[in-house]
Amino acid sequence: MNVRSLSLLKAFTIAVLLSLCASNAFADGFNIGSASNYGLLFQGGGGNTLQITNVTVNGNVGVGNTGQATDSGPSTINGRIDFSAPNTGQFSNNNAGNVITGGVHYSVGDVTSGLNTVNSLSQTLLGLAGTSVSINGNTTVNASAGAVFIVNGQTVHVFDASAFTNGGGQTLTINGTSSDLVAINLDGLGNIQFHGGIIFTGGIGGDSVLFNIGGGNYSTLTGASSLDINNNGGTAGIAQGIFLDPNGAISVVNATVQGRVFGGDSHDFQYVSGATLTAPSSVPEPGSIMLLGSGLSGIGLLLRRRRQQ
């Protein structure tokens, strides 16, 4: 084998291995595009404000349209605050104790792109005839019982809630495998309150369960029911999953959230009073790492043999 052939083989092998890792390295979850870069995404319609006070965000924050943000602190944001609009003075940092590790950025296209993706996803899910489920207090939902649809190339188990209660100390359990995707439509039930806990069993992950309040006017970003998450700092339970309310007001108060909160209507978004949100992170699967390591080791052995010849 000549040097040119060996170089081509090396380049081809690395390309194949990286391609395999790109497609298999991360755990399953909803395809939410650039919204996956954010823990909080605020619609920001009508120039309204994301109000941040005495909170923690482990992840990035995005503010869309002409929205504003005020951080009265003391707050810790382990990530960025991104605005889709150019800098017009729409961010107010009102506490010297605030920590924003990734800084504040403007004209960030990922914010608009991410909002467009999740708004479209909300509409699509709302139009599907899911399996009817009544969620009243301590309830278990098995992913396999949901009506199956292909959404954006992914197989999704869809449920339509006919009733919803998740009060303090009450637990909603979602049971499914690591490859399951579950969407629960919560439209038409009035204002939605997550005041209890959400538990995942069977291996299903945080980016694989989506609660879609939906409804309202997706053009004006108005008219849907509100979303309220308050579990008394996690003592009443922990909120897990993707919480999507494009056209309703959102408040996350004194809550512990392991997941993402997207939406917020043309209305102020309250993220206050000791709330802590931790966005899911994609971690390479061991099998993909082993595959890459084996492939690179093989190339190394081939090169050593070539040098010996």
Protein backbone atom coordinates (compact mmCIF):
# COMPACT_ATOMS: atom_id res chain seq x y z
CA MET A 1 0.00 0.00 0.00
CA ASN A 2 1.55 3.35 -1.06
CA VAL A 3 1.53 6.51 1.04
CA ARG A 4 -1.34 8.11 -0.89
CA SER A 5 -3.55 5.05 -0.49
CA LEU A 6 -2.75 4.85 3.19
CA SER A 7 -3.65 8.52 3.69
CA LEU A 8 -6.94 8.06 1.87
CA LEU A 9 -7.74 4.98 3.98
CA LYS A 10 -6.98 6.89 7.17
CA ALA A 11 -9.17 9.85 6.17
CA PHE A 12 -12.03 7.59 5.09
CA THR A 13 -11.91 5.53 8.29
CA ILE A 14 -11.94 8.60 10.53
CA ALA A 15 -14.86 10.08 8.57
CA VAL A 16 -16.88 6.88 8.94
CA LEU A 17 -16.16 6.63 12.66
CA LEU A 18 -17.07 10.25 13.31
CA SER A 19 -20.26 9.81 11.31
CA LEU A 20 -21.22 6.79 13.41
CA CYS A 21 -20.52 8.66 16.61
CA ALA A 22 -22.50 11.69 15.47
CA SER A 23 -25.57 9.54 14.85
CA ASN A 24 -25.27 7.28 17.86
CA ALA A 25 -23.38 9.19 20.52
CA PHE A 26 -26.29 10.81 22.27
CA ALA A 27 -29.28 9.52 24.15
CA ASP A 28 -32.67 9.71 22.48
CA GLY A 29 -34.83 12.79 22.86
CA PHE A 30 -37.20 15.02 20.95
CA ASN A 31 -35.73 16.72 17.91
CA ILE A 32 -36.08 20.35 19.00
CA GLY A 33 -33.36 21.83 16.83
CA SER A 34 -31.40 24.72 18.30
CA ALA A 35 -33.84 24.84 21.24
CA SER A 36 -31.72 22.00 22.63
CA ASN A 37 -29.12 24.67 23.41
CA TYR A 38 -31.44 26.25 25.99
CA GLY A 39 -32.99 25.50 29.35
CA LEU A 40 -35.28 28.54 29.17
CA LEU A 41 -36.71 30.02 25.95
CA PHE A 42 -39.00 33.03 26.21
CA GLN A 43 -41.18 34.10 23.27
CA GLY A 44 -40.70 37.78 24.13
CA GLY A 45 -43.73 38.86 22.12
CA GLY A 46 -44.81 42.49 22.43
CA GLY A 47 -41.55 43.52 24.06
CA ASN A 48 -42.50 41.82 27.32
CA THR A 49 -40.02 40.87 30.01
CA LEU A 50 -38.39 37.75 31.41
CA GLN A 51 -38.19 38.58 35.11
CA ILE A 52 -35.32 36.84 36.92
CA THR A 53 -34.94 37.09 40.70
CA ASN A 54 -32.96 34.95 43.15
CA VAL A 55 -32.67 31.88 40.91
CA THR A 56 -30.24 29.39 39.39
CA VAL A 57 -30.16 28.25 35.77
CA ASN A 58 -27.84 25.42 34.79
CA GLY A 59 -28.06 26.01 31.06
CA ASN A 60 -28.56 28.81 28.57
CA VAL A 61 -31.41 31.32 28.49
CA GLY A 62 -32.92 32.64 25.25
CA VAL A 63 -35.20 35.68 24.73
CA GLY A 64 -36.99 35.96 21.40
CA ASN A 65 -38.63 38.66 19.31
CA THR A 66 -38.35 42.10 20.98
CA GLY A 67 -38.42 40.62 24.48
CA GLN A 68 -36.51 42.04 27.40
CA ALA A 69 -34.94 40.53 30.51
CA THR A 70 -34.38 41.91 33.99
CA ASP A 71 -32.10 40.13 36.46
CA SER A 72 -32.75 41.50 39.93
CA GLY A 73 -30.73 38.72 41.50
CA PRO A 74 -28.90 37.50 43.28
CA SER A 75 -28.91 34.93 40.48
CA THR A 76 -26.51 32.39 39.03
CA ILE A 77 -26.82 31.51 35.37
CA ASN A 78 -24.34 28.81 34.43
CA GLY A 79 -24.59 29.61 30.76
CA ARG A 80 -25.44 32.47 28.41
CA ILE A 81 -28.31 34.89 28.04
CA ASP A 82 -29.04 35.16 24.31
CA PHE A 83 -31.34 37.68 22.64
CA SER A 84 -32.62 37.21 19.12
CA ALA A 85 -32.77 40.99 18.61
CA PRO A 86 -29.85 43.43 18.30
CA ASN A 87 -28.76 45.24 21.44
CA THR A 88 -31.23 48.01 22.18
CA GLY A 89 -30.66 48.06 25.93
CA GLN A 90 -33.22 45.31 26.57
CA PHE A 91 -31.21 43.64 29.35
CA SER A 92 -31.05 45.04 32.88
CA ASN A 93 -28.59 43.61 35.38
CA ASN A 94 -29.70 45.05 38.70
CA ASN A 95 -27.60 43.15 41.21
CA ALA A 96 -23.82 43.18 41.60
CA GLY A 97 -24.02 39.62 42.91
CA ASN A 98 -25.40 38.19 39.68
CA VAL A 99 -23.27 35.56 37.92
CA ILE A 100 -23.70 34.93 34.19
CA THR A 101 -20.86 32.62 33.22
CA GLY A 102 -21.44 32.74 29.45
CA GLY A 103 -22.15 36.44 29.17
CA VAL A 104 -24.97 38.29 27.39
CA HIS A 105 -25.26 38.09 23.60
CA TYR A 106 -27.43 39.73 20.96
CA SER A 107 -28.60 38.92 17.41
CA VAL A 108 -28.38 35.20 18.15
CA GLY A 109 -30.13 33.27 15.40
CA ASP A 110 -30.45 30.09 17.44
CA VAL A 111 -33.08 31.75 19.64
CA THR A 112 -35.48 32.44 16.77
CA SER A 113 -34.75 29.12 15.13
CA GLY A 114 -35.34 27.23 18.37
CA LEU A 115 -38.62 29.03 19.08
CA ASN A 116 -39.84 28.37 15.55
CA THR A 117 -39.05 24.68 15.96
CA VAL A 118 -40.84 24.19 19.28
CA ASN A 119 -43.83 26.35 18.26
CA SER A 120 -44.27 24.20 15.17
CA LEU A 121 -43.87 21.04 17.24
CA SER A 122 -46.57 22.23 19.63
CA GLN A 123 -49.00 22.82 16.76
CA THR A 124 -48.24 19.45 15.19
CA LEU A 125 -48.76 17.53 18.44
CA LEU A 126 -51.98 19.41 19.12
CA GLY A 127 -53.42 18.17 15.83
CA LEU A 128 -52.82 14.49 16.60
CA ALA A 129 -55.48 12.21 18.08
CA GLY A 130 -53.64 10.90 21.09
CA THR A 131 -54.74 8.27 23.58
CA SER A 132 -57.06 9.80 26.18
CA VAL A 133 -55.63 9.79 29.70
CA SER A 134 -56.93 11.23 32.96
CA ILE A 135 -54.14 12.52 35.19
CA ASN A 136 -55.52 13.02 38.68
CA GLY A 137 -53.02 13.03 41.50
CA ASN A 138 -50.86 9.90 41.71
CA THR A 139 -50.99 8.56 38.17
CA THR A 140 -48.78 6.29 36.07
CA VAL A 141 -48.63 6.70 32.30
CA ASN A 142 -47.04 3.87 30.30
CA ALA A 143 -45.42 5.11 27.10
CA SER A 144 -46.45 2.00 25.20
CA ALA A 145 -50.15 2.87 25.70
CA GLY A 146 -49.89 6.08 23.68
CA ALA A 147 -51.09 6.42 20.12
CA VAL A 148 -48.10 6.17 17.80
CA PHE A 149 -47.31 8.90 15.28
CA ILE A 150 -44.27 9.86 13.23
CA VAL A 151 -43.36 13.45 14.10
CA ASN A 152 -40.35 15.07 12.40
CA GLY A 153 -39.08 11.61 11.53
CA GLN A 154 -39.37 10.34 15.12
CA THR A 155 -41.78 7.79 16.59
CA VAL A 156 -43.79 9.50 19.34
CA HIS A 157 -46.36 8.09 21.78
CA VAL A 158 -49.04 10.80 22.07
CA PHE A 159 -51.60 11.25 24.86
CA ASP A 160 -54.46 13.75 25.20
CA ALA A 161 -55.18 14.55 28.84
CA SER A 162 -58.89 14.65 29.65
CA ALA A 163 -58.12 15.92 33.18
CA PHE A 164 -54.99 17.11 34.94
CA THR A 165 -54.08 17.51 38.61
CA ASN A 166 -50.54 17.51 39.97
CA GLY A 167 -50.75 19.00 43.44
CA GLY A 168 -48.18 19.17 46.20
CA GLY A 169 -47.02 15.69 47.18
CA GLN A 170 -48.75 14.07 44.19
CA THR A 171 -46.68 12.18 41.66
CA LEU A 172 -47.06 11.68 37.92
CA THR A 173 -44.97 8.68 36.83
CA ILE A 174 -43.96 8.25 33.19
CA ASN A 175 -42.79 4.71 32.45
CA GLY A 176 -40.90 4.04 29.24
CA THR A 177 -37.63 2.84 27.75
CA SER A 178 -34.67 4.97 26.77
CA SER A 179 -35.84 4.90 23.14
CA ASP A 180 -39.43 6.04 23.86
CA LEU A 181 -40.72 9.55 23.20
CA VAL A 182 -43.87 10.66 25.05
CA ALA A 183 -45.96 13.78 24.37
CA ILE A 184 -48.91 14.73 26.59
CA ASN A 185 -51.28 17.39 25.23
CA LEU A 186 -52.78 19.50 28.03
CA ASP A 187 -54.85 21.97 26.03
CA GLY A 188 -58.44 22.81 26.86
CA LEU A 189 -58.07 22.08 30.58
CA GLY A 190 -57.67 25.60 31.89
CA ASN A 191 -54.54 26.83 33.59
CA ILE A 192 -52.01 24.04 34.19
CA GLN A 193 -50.24 23.74 37.54
CA PHE A 194 -47.29 21.46 38.26
CA HIS A 195 -47.12 21.65 42.05
CA GLY A 196 -46.13 18.03 42.71
CA GLY A 197 -43.55 15.67 41.28
CA ILE A 198 -42.80 13.87 38.02
CA ILE A 199 -40.91 10.58 38.11
CA PHE A 200 -39.40 8.70 35.15
CA THR A 201 -39.02 4.91 35.25
CA GLY A 202 -37.79 2.29 32.80
CA GLY A 203 -34.95 4.40 31.39
CA ILE A 204 -36.89 7.21 29.69
CA GLY A 205 -35.01 10.52 29.83
CA GLY A 206 -35.66 14.20 30.46
CA ASP A 207 -35.64 15.23 26.80
CA SER A 208 -37.98 12.35 25.89
CA VAL A 209 -41.11 13.55 27.72
CA LEU A 210 -42.91 16.67 26.53
CA PHE A 211 -45.87 18.42 28.16
CA ASN A 212 -47.64 20.49 25.51
CA ILE A 213 -50.12 23.04 26.83
CA GLY A 214 -50.65 24.27 23.28
CA GLY A 215 -53.63 26.16 21.93
CA GLY A 216 -54.16 29.87 21.41
CA ASN A 217 -52.98 31.87 18.42
CA TYR A 218 -49.54 30.88 17.16
CA SER A 219 -49.29 34.03 15.03
CA THR A 220 -49.93 36.54 17.80
CA LEU A 221 -48.48 34.31 20.56
CA THR A 222 -51.57 34.77 22.72
CA GLY A 223 -54.67 33.05 23.96
CA ALA A 224 -53.52 29.79 25.56
CA SER A 225 -53.82 28.61 29.15
CA SER A 226 -51.07 29.56 31.57
CA LEU A 227 -48.36 27.26 32.93
CA ASP A 228 -47.41 27.44 36.60
CA ILE A 229 -44.58 25.38 38.10
CA ASN A 230 -44.16 25.65 41.87
CA ASN A 231 -43.12 22.57 43.87
CA ASN A 232 -41.89 24.38 46.97
CA GLY A 233 -38.26 24.17 46.01
CA GLY A 234 -38.54 20.47 45.23
CA THR A 235 -39.90 19.43 48.62
CA ALA A 236 -43.29 18.67 47.02
CA GLY A 237 -41.68 16.85 44.09
CA ILE A 238 -39.48 17.69 41.12
CA ALA A 239 -40.72 18.81 37.71
CA GLN A 240 -39.05 16.84 34.91
CA GLY A 241 -39.35 16.98 31.13
CA ILE A 242 -39.89 19.61 28.44
CA PHE A 243 -42.63 22.09 29.36
CA LEU A 244 -44.01 23.81 26.26
CA ASP A 245 -46.56 26.64 26.37
CA PRO A 246 -45.97 28.88 23.34
CA ASN A 247 -49.06 31.09 23.73
CA GLY A 248 -49.73 31.13 27.46
CA ALA A 249 -48.17 33.04 30.34
CA ILE A 250 -45.54 31.10 32.31
CA SER A 251 -44.41 31.37 35.92
CA VAL A 252 -41.71 29.22 37.52
CA VAL A 253 -41.70 30.13 41.20
CA ASN A 254 -39.82 28.44 44.06
CA ALA A 255 -39.51 25.36 41.87
CA THR A 256 -36.95 22.70 41.07
CA VAL A 257 -37.02 21.77 37.39
CA GLN A 258 -34.92 19.13 35.67
CA GLY A 259 -35.69 19.87 32.06
CA ARG A 260 -36.63 22.79 29.84
CA VAL A 261 -39.33 25.47 29.85
CA PHE A 262 -40.27 27.04 26.51
CA GLY A 263 -42.85 29.66 25.57
CA GLY A 264 -44.37 32.48 27.58
CA ASP A 265 -46.85 34.23 25.34
CA SER A 266 -46.85 38.00 24.71
CA HIS A 267 -46.74 38.40 28.46
CA ASP A 268 -44.11 38.74 31.17
CA PHE A 269 -42.40 35.45 32.14
CA GLN A 270 -41.80 35.00 35.89
CA TYR A 271 -38.72 32.97 36.79
CA VAL A 272 -38.27 33.90 40.44
CA SER A 273 -38.12 33.12 44.18
CA GLY A 274 -35.42 30.51 44.52
CA ALA A 275 -36.24 28.50 41.39
CA THR A 276 -33.56 26.16 40.05
CA LEU A 277 -33.61 24.77 36.52
CA THR A 278 -31.12 22.22 35.21
CA ALA A 279 -31.29 21.51 31.49
CA PRO A 280 -30.59 17.96 30.29
CA SER A 281 -27.18 17.42 28.75
CA SER A 282 -26.28 14.95 26.04
CA VAL A 283 -23.60 12.51 27.16
CA PRO A 284 -21.76 10.25 24.70
CA GLU A 285 -22.85 6.65 25.05
CA PRO A 286 -20.09 4.18 26.07
CA GLY A 287 -20.58 2.09 22.94
CA SER A 288 -19.87 5.03 20.66
CA ILE A 289 -16.76 6.00 22.61
CA MET A 290 -15.51 2.41 22.41
CA LEU A 291 -16.23 2.35 18.68
CA LEU A 292 -14.22 5.50 18.10
CA GLY A 293 -11.37 4.25 20.29
CA SER A 294 -11.23 0.91 18.51
CA GLY A 295 -11.22 2.55 15.12
CA LEU A 296 -8.41 4.96 16.00
CA SER A 297 -6.41 2.12 17.55
CA GLY A 298 -6.80 0.17 14.33
CA ILE A 299 -5.47 3.09 12.31
CA GLY A 300 -2.54 3.41 14.69
CA LEU A 301 -1.68 -0.29 14.27
CA LEU A 302 -1.88 0.03 10.50
CA LEU A 303 0.47 3.00 10.54
CA ARG A 304 2.98 1.18 12.75
CA ARG A 305 2.99 -1.80 10.40
CA ARG A 306 3.50 0.55 7.45
CA ARG A 307 6.52 2.15 9.12
CA GLN A 308 8.02 -1.28 9.91
CA GLN A 309 7.75 -2.26 6.26
